[in-house]
Amino acid sequence: MLKKPDITPSFYSQYGIVADKNNIKTDCYRMHPFYQILSLTACCFIALSFSGCETENQCEESSMPTTIQTASLVHFDTDMDAATNGYALCGNRQPRFDNRFSPYKGGSVSVDVVVEHYSFLGCPHCARFAAYVEDLLSRYPDMEQHVRFYFHHYTFTGYEHYHAAAFAASQESMELFWQFHDILLSTTGVEYSFQQLRDVAMYDLSLDMTAYDAAVNNITADGARTYAFLEEEKKIAKANCVYGTPSVYICGEFIEDWRNSEDVILQYLQGRNE
């Protein structure tokens, strides 16, 4: 059983995960020494080149729709319909993805700017981005009130159970999703088995284990729904040329270096004062 962490804005710092946009160093995971040796060169090269975790997939242009078709999911953002209403400060640039089923942070007063990001829950750079978002929300009340950050799943082959577990938590509550999210991203060097994730769900988060087991087992109807949703999220991502994580879009515009997100968001927010 893992010790349940204290989830605070500075939660990630104890693991060497920093939010400073000018810091491009990486810890090369907090992993077993054997995997550190194997991964050190590649991990540090990735950090220096684009500060992201590269997937095994390259850009695949297609006509894949950006509306999730999977039924019976928990709608986190039932009041927002970007296609109909738009977002005040995004102007002609509108969100690219279907965010109804996406856990989010921010936008407590209104949703005027939308940040959509695809993350893999075993990616150390996604952990840095998560810390970066927490830092922005704590330093800028305007962002917490008027900017909404939506999380989208991007599974890596062999790690589908990470996202299935977090998705199962999300179907119980958005807060439980974020707790699972924080545990996984604070320990990106740990290789979690299916059973270990179940232990996190049971002992650390006290989830409804009947619902959890059904949601992560792909031979059940609920499990089939989980994996269909994750697969559809990934197909949509690939259709929009997502090739690594974190991949960040602000008002539908891809941000090549997520560490520039602060400046881009502030430019949009200036419209509130003009």
Protein backbone atom coordinates (compact mmCIF):
# COMPACT_ATOMS: atom_id res chain seq x y z
CA MET A 1 0.00 0.00 0.00
CA LEU A 2 1.32 3.43 -0.90
CA LYS A 3 1.30 6.26 1.57
CA LYS A 4 -1.31 8.73 0.44
CA PRO A 5 0.43 12.00 -0.46
CA ASP A 6 -0.57 15.45 0.65
CA ILE A 7 -1.91 17.00 -2.57
CA THR A 8 -0.99 20.68 -2.42
CA PRO A 9 0.22 23.22 -5.02
CA SER A 10 3.79 22.36 -3.96
CA PHE A 11 3.09 18.61 -4.02
CA TYR A 12 5.30 17.87 -7.02
CA SER A 13 8.32 19.79 -5.71
CA GLN A 14 9.23 17.02 -3.26
CA TYR A 15 9.90 14.81 -6.27
CA GLY A 16 12.15 17.32 -8.00
CA ILE A 17 9.36 18.35 -10.38
CA VAL A 18 9.54 22.09 -10.88
CA ALA A 19 7.25 24.58 -12.57
CA ASP A 20 9.91 27.07 -13.67
CA LYS A 21 9.40 27.54 -17.42
CA ASN A 22 13.11 28.32 -17.85
CA ASN A 23 14.24 25.09 -16.23
CA ILE A 24 14.75 22.45 -18.90
CA LYS A 25 16.61 19.95 -16.75
CA THR A 26 15.07 16.58 -16.05
CA ASP A 27 15.44 14.08 -13.25
CA CYS A 28 15.19 11.33 -15.86
CA TYR A 29 12.38 9.87 -13.79
CA ARG A 30 12.49 8.61 -10.21
CA MET A 31 13.03 5.08 -11.38
CA HIS A 32 14.82 1.90 -10.46
CA PRO A 33 18.61 2.30 -11.09
CA PHE A 34 18.53 -0.35 -13.80
CA TYR A 35 16.02 1.66 -15.82
CA GLN A 36 17.86 4.88 -15.05
CA ILE A 37 20.96 3.52 -16.76
CA LEU A 38 18.98 2.41 -19.81
CA SER A 39 16.97 5.61 -20.06
CA LEU A 40 19.37 8.37 -19.03
CA THR A 41 20.64 9.38 -22.45
CA ALA A 42 17.28 9.24 -24.24
CA CYS A 43 15.42 10.93 -21.40
CA CYS A 44 17.82 13.86 -21.14
CA PHE A 45 17.91 14.28 -24.92
CA ILE A 46 14.12 14.52 -24.99
CA ALA A 47 14.13 17.06 -22.18
CA LEU A 48 16.63 19.27 -23.95
CA SER A 49 15.01 18.98 -27.36
CA PHE A 50 11.30 19.55 -26.75
CA SER A 51 10.51 18.86 -23.08
CA GLY A 52 8.04 16.13 -23.84
CA CYS A 53 7.60 12.37 -23.94
CA GLU A 54 7.59 11.11 -27.50
CA THR A 55 5.05 8.49 -28.51
CA GLU A 56 5.52 5.58 -30.84
CA ASN A 57 3.07 7.21 -33.23
CA GLN A 58 3.69 9.95 -35.75
CA CYS A 59 1.26 12.42 -37.25
CA GLU A 60 -1.63 10.72 -39.00
CA GLU A 61 -3.89 13.21 -40.77
CA SER A 62 -7.45 11.99 -41.04
CA SER A 63 -11.04 13.16 -41.01
CA MET A 64 -11.62 11.79 -37.52
CA PRO A 65 -14.36 13.85 -35.85
CA THR A 66 -13.42 15.75 -32.71
CA THR A 67 -16.62 14.84 -30.87
CA ILE A 68 -16.50 11.86 -28.53
CA GLN A 69 -19.16 9.33 -29.52
CA THR A 70 -18.94 7.04 -26.48
CA ALA A 71 -22.22 7.15 -24.54
CA SER A 72 -22.94 7.00 -20.82
CA LEU A 73 -19.87 8.92 -19.65
CA VAL A 74 -19.84 11.39 -16.79
CA HIS A 75 -20.13 14.91 -18.22
CA PHE A 76 -17.86 17.22 -16.26
CA ASP A 77 -18.63 20.37 -18.23
CA THR A 78 -22.28 20.13 -19.14
CA ASP A 79 -22.82 23.89 -19.42
CA MET A 80 -20.24 24.60 -22.10
CA ASP A 81 -20.83 24.02 -25.78
CA ALA A 82 -18.00 25.60 -27.71
CA ALA A 83 -19.53 24.88 -31.09
CA THR A 84 -22.61 26.92 -30.21
CA ASN A 85 -21.49 29.60 -27.79
CA GLY A 86 -17.78 30.02 -28.27
CA TYR A 87 -15.37 31.37 -25.70
CA ALA A 88 -15.20 35.12 -25.23
CA LEU A 89 -11.47 35.77 -25.51
CA CYS A 90 -10.59 33.06 -28.01
CA GLY A 91 -12.03 35.08 -30.91
CA ASN A 92 -11.82 33.18 -34.18
CA ARG A 93 -9.73 30.48 -32.53
CA GLN A 94 -11.95 28.01 -30.73
CA PRO A 95 -11.16 24.80 -28.82
CA ARG A 96 -10.28 21.87 -31.01
CA PHE A 97 -11.55 18.96 -28.92
CA ASP A 98 -14.67 17.67 -27.20
CA ASN A 99 -14.16 18.69 -23.57
CA ARG A 100 -17.44 17.56 -22.05
CA PHE A 101 -15.86 14.42 -20.56
CA SER A 102 -12.52 15.98 -19.61
CA PRO A 103 -11.55 16.72 -16.01
CA TYR A 104 -10.55 20.35 -15.66
CA LYS A 105 -9.12 23.02 -13.43
CA GLY A 106 -9.79 26.76 -13.42
CA GLY A 107 -12.59 28.82 -14.92
CA SER A 108 -14.33 29.21 -11.56
CA VAL A 109 -16.12 32.42 -12.63
CA SER A 110 -16.34 32.14 -16.41
CA VAL A 111 -14.59 30.21 -19.17
CA ASP A 112 -13.13 32.84 -21.49
CA VAL A 113 -9.91 31.05 -22.49
CA VAL A 114 -9.55 27.30 -22.99
CA VAL A 115 -6.36 25.28 -22.60
CA GLU A 116 -6.57 21.66 -23.77
CA HIS A 117 -3.72 19.27 -23.10
CA TYR A 118 -3.00 15.64 -23.87
CA SER A 119 -0.96 13.89 -21.22
CA PHE A 120 0.40 10.41 -20.53
CA LEU A 121 0.26 9.52 -16.84
CA GLY A 122 3.72 7.98 -16.87
CA CYS A 123 5.44 10.97 -18.46
CA PRO A 124 7.81 13.08 -16.31
CA HIS A 125 7.32 16.08 -18.58
CA CYS A 126 3.59 15.85 -18.03
CA ALA A 127 4.35 15.98 -14.31
CA ARG A 128 6.26 19.19 -14.91
CA PHE A 129 3.38 20.60 -16.90
CA ALA A 130 0.96 19.69 -14.11
CA ALA A 131 3.15 21.55 -11.61
CA TYR A 132 3.34 24.46 -14.06
CA VAL A 133 -0.47 24.68 -14.26
CA GLU A 134 -0.77 24.61 -10.47
CA ASP A 135 1.76 27.42 -10.28
CA LEU A 136 -0.13 29.53 -12.84
CA LEU A 137 -3.45 29.07 -11.07
CA SER A 138 -1.94 30.04 -7.73
CA ARG A 139 -0.07 33.11 -9.05
CA TYR A 140 -2.77 34.52 -11.34
CA PRO A 141 -6.27 34.86 -9.86
CA ASP A 142 -7.45 35.91 -13.32
CA MET A 143 -6.40 32.53 -14.71
CA GLU A 144 -8.10 30.60 -11.93
CA GLN A 145 -11.28 32.57 -12.54
CA HIS A 146 -11.38 32.80 -16.34
CA VAL A 147 -9.10 30.12 -17.88
CA ARG A 148 -10.05 26.45 -17.94
CA PHE A 149 -7.42 23.71 -18.34
CA TYR A 150 -8.87 20.47 -19.71
CA PHE A 151 -7.10 17.13 -19.34
CA HIS A 152 -7.18 14.63 -22.22
CA HIS A 153 -5.86 11.08 -22.03
CA TYR A 154 -3.06 9.91 -24.30
CA THR A 155 -2.16 6.29 -23.59
CA PHE A 156 1.18 4.74 -24.44
CA THR A 157 1.15 1.12 -25.56
CA GLY A 158 1.51 -1.15 -22.56
CA TYR A 159 0.30 1.51 -20.13
CA GLU A 160 -3.38 1.55 -20.94
CA HIS A 161 -4.14 0.38 -17.39
CA TYR A 162 -2.74 3.65 -16.00
CA HIS A 163 -5.38 5.68 -17.80
CA ALA A 164 -8.12 3.10 -17.27
CA ALA A 165 -7.54 3.39 -13.52
CA ALA A 166 -7.59 7.20 -13.56
CA PHE A 167 -10.66 7.17 -15.80
CA ALA A 168 -12.43 4.83 -13.38
CA ALA A 169 -11.69 7.29 -10.58
CA SER A 170 -13.04 10.14 -12.69
CA GLN A 171 -16.38 8.39 -13.08
CA GLU A 172 -16.76 8.55 -9.29
CA SER A 173 -15.70 12.20 -9.02
CA MET A 174 -13.44 14.71 -10.71
CA GLU A 175 -11.57 15.30 -7.45
CA LEU A 176 -10.72 11.58 -7.20
CA PHE A 177 -9.41 11.70 -10.77
CA TRP A 178 -7.05 14.53 -9.85
CA GLN A 179 -5.84 12.62 -6.80
CA PHE A 180 -5.07 9.54 -8.94
CA HIS A 181 -3.48 11.83 -11.56
CA ASP A 182 -1.22 13.41 -8.92
CA ILE A 183 -0.13 10.08 -7.44
CA LEU A 184 0.85 8.69 -10.84
CA LEU A 185 2.65 11.82 -12.03
CA SER A 186 4.54 12.20 -8.76
CA THR A 187 6.00 8.69 -9.20
CA THR A 188 6.71 8.47 -12.93
CA GLY A 189 9.64 6.14 -12.33
CA VAL A 190 7.44 3.49 -10.73
CA GLU A 191 6.20 0.69 -12.97
CA TYR A 192 2.67 0.06 -11.68
CA SER A 193 1.08 -3.30 -12.23
CA PHE A 194 -2.67 -3.72 -12.62
CA GLN A 195 -2.85 -4.95 -9.01
CA GLN A 196 -0.74 -2.10 -7.65
CA LEU A 197 -3.07 0.43 -9.23
CA ARG A 198 -5.99 -1.42 -7.68
CA ASP A 199 -4.28 -1.08 -4.31
CA VAL A 200 -3.96 2.67 -4.86
CA ALA A 201 -7.65 2.84 -5.71
CA MET A 202 -8.67 0.81 -2.64
CA TYR A 203 -6.27 1.90 0.09
CA ASP A 204 -5.14 5.38 -0.90
CA LEU A 205 -8.30 6.76 -2.48
CA SER A 206 -11.03 4.54 -1.00
CA LEU A 207 -12.83 4.21 -4.31
CA ASP A 208 -15.99 2.20 -4.84
CA MET A 209 -14.15 -0.99 -5.77
CA THR A 210 -17.15 -2.69 -7.37
CA ALA A 211 -17.45 0.18 -9.82
CA TYR A 212 -13.66 0.43 -10.21
CA ASP A 213 -13.22 -3.27 -11.03
CA ALA A 214 -15.99 -3.12 -13.60
CA ALA A 215 -14.53 0.01 -15.22
CA VAL A 216 -11.00 -1.35 -15.67
CA ASN A 217 -11.92 -4.88 -16.78
CA ASN A 218 -12.26 -4.87 -20.56
CA ILE A 219 -14.53 -7.94 -20.61
CA THR A 220 -17.31 -6.06 -18.82
CA ALA A 221 -19.65 -3.53 -20.41
CA ASP A 222 -18.24 -0.75 -18.24
CA GLY A 223 -14.68 -1.81 -19.05
CA ALA A 224 -15.42 -1.87 -22.76
CA ARG A 225 -16.74 1.67 -22.42
CA THR A 226 -13.54 2.75 -20.63
CA TYR A 227 -11.17 1.40 -23.26
CA ALA A 228 -13.36 2.61 -26.13
CA PHE A 229 -13.21 6.12 -24.70
CA LEU A 230 -9.43 6.00 -24.25
CA GLU A 231 -8.97 4.66 -27.78
CA GLU A 232 -11.20 7.35 -29.22
CA GLU A 233 -9.29 10.05 -27.34
CA LYS A 234 -6.06 8.73 -28.86
CA LYS A 235 -7.48 8.51 -32.38
CA ILE A 236 -8.67 12.10 -32.19
CA ALA A 237 -5.27 13.16 -30.87
CA LYS A 238 -3.48 11.45 -33.75
CA ALA A 239 -5.89 13.01 -36.21
CA ASN A 240 -4.73 16.38 -34.87
CA CYS A 241 -1.05 15.41 -35.12
CA VAL A 242 -0.41 14.90 -31.42
CA TYR A 243 2.96 13.13 -31.41
CA GLY A 244 4.16 13.59 -27.84
CA THR A 245 3.09 14.57 -24.36
CA PRO A 246 2.29 16.98 -23.03
CA SER A 247 0.66 18.45 -26.14
CA VAL A 248 -0.95 21.78 -25.32
CA TYR A 249 -3.53 23.80 -27.26
CA ILE A 250 -4.66 27.29 -26.25
CA CYS A 251 -7.88 28.39 -27.94
CA GLY A 252 -7.29 25.60 -30.45
CA GLU A 253 -3.74 26.72 -31.30
CA PHE A 254 -0.95 24.21 -30.78
CA ILE A 255 1.79 25.52 -28.49
CA GLU A 256 5.10 24.09 -29.64
CA ASP A 257 6.76 24.57 -26.26
CA TRP A 258 4.33 24.28 -23.35
CA ARG A 259 6.61 26.46 -21.25
CA ASN A 260 5.40 29.40 -23.34
CA SER A 261 1.79 28.84 -22.24
CA GLU A 262 1.92 31.52 -19.57
CA ASP A 263 2.80 34.26 -22.06
CA VAL A 264 0.18 33.12 -24.57
CA ILE A 265 -2.59 32.96 -21.95
CA LEU A 266 -1.69 36.39 -20.61
CA GLN A 267 -1.98 37.81 -24.12
CA TYR A 268 -5.51 36.45 -24.39
CA LEU A 269 -6.43 37.75 -20.94
CA GLN A 270 -5.37 41.25 -21.90
CA GLY A 271 -8.57 41.32 -23.94
CA ARG A 272 -10.54 41.49 -20.69
CA ASN A 273 -9.07 44.92 -19.99
CA GLU A 274 -9.37 46.40 -23.47
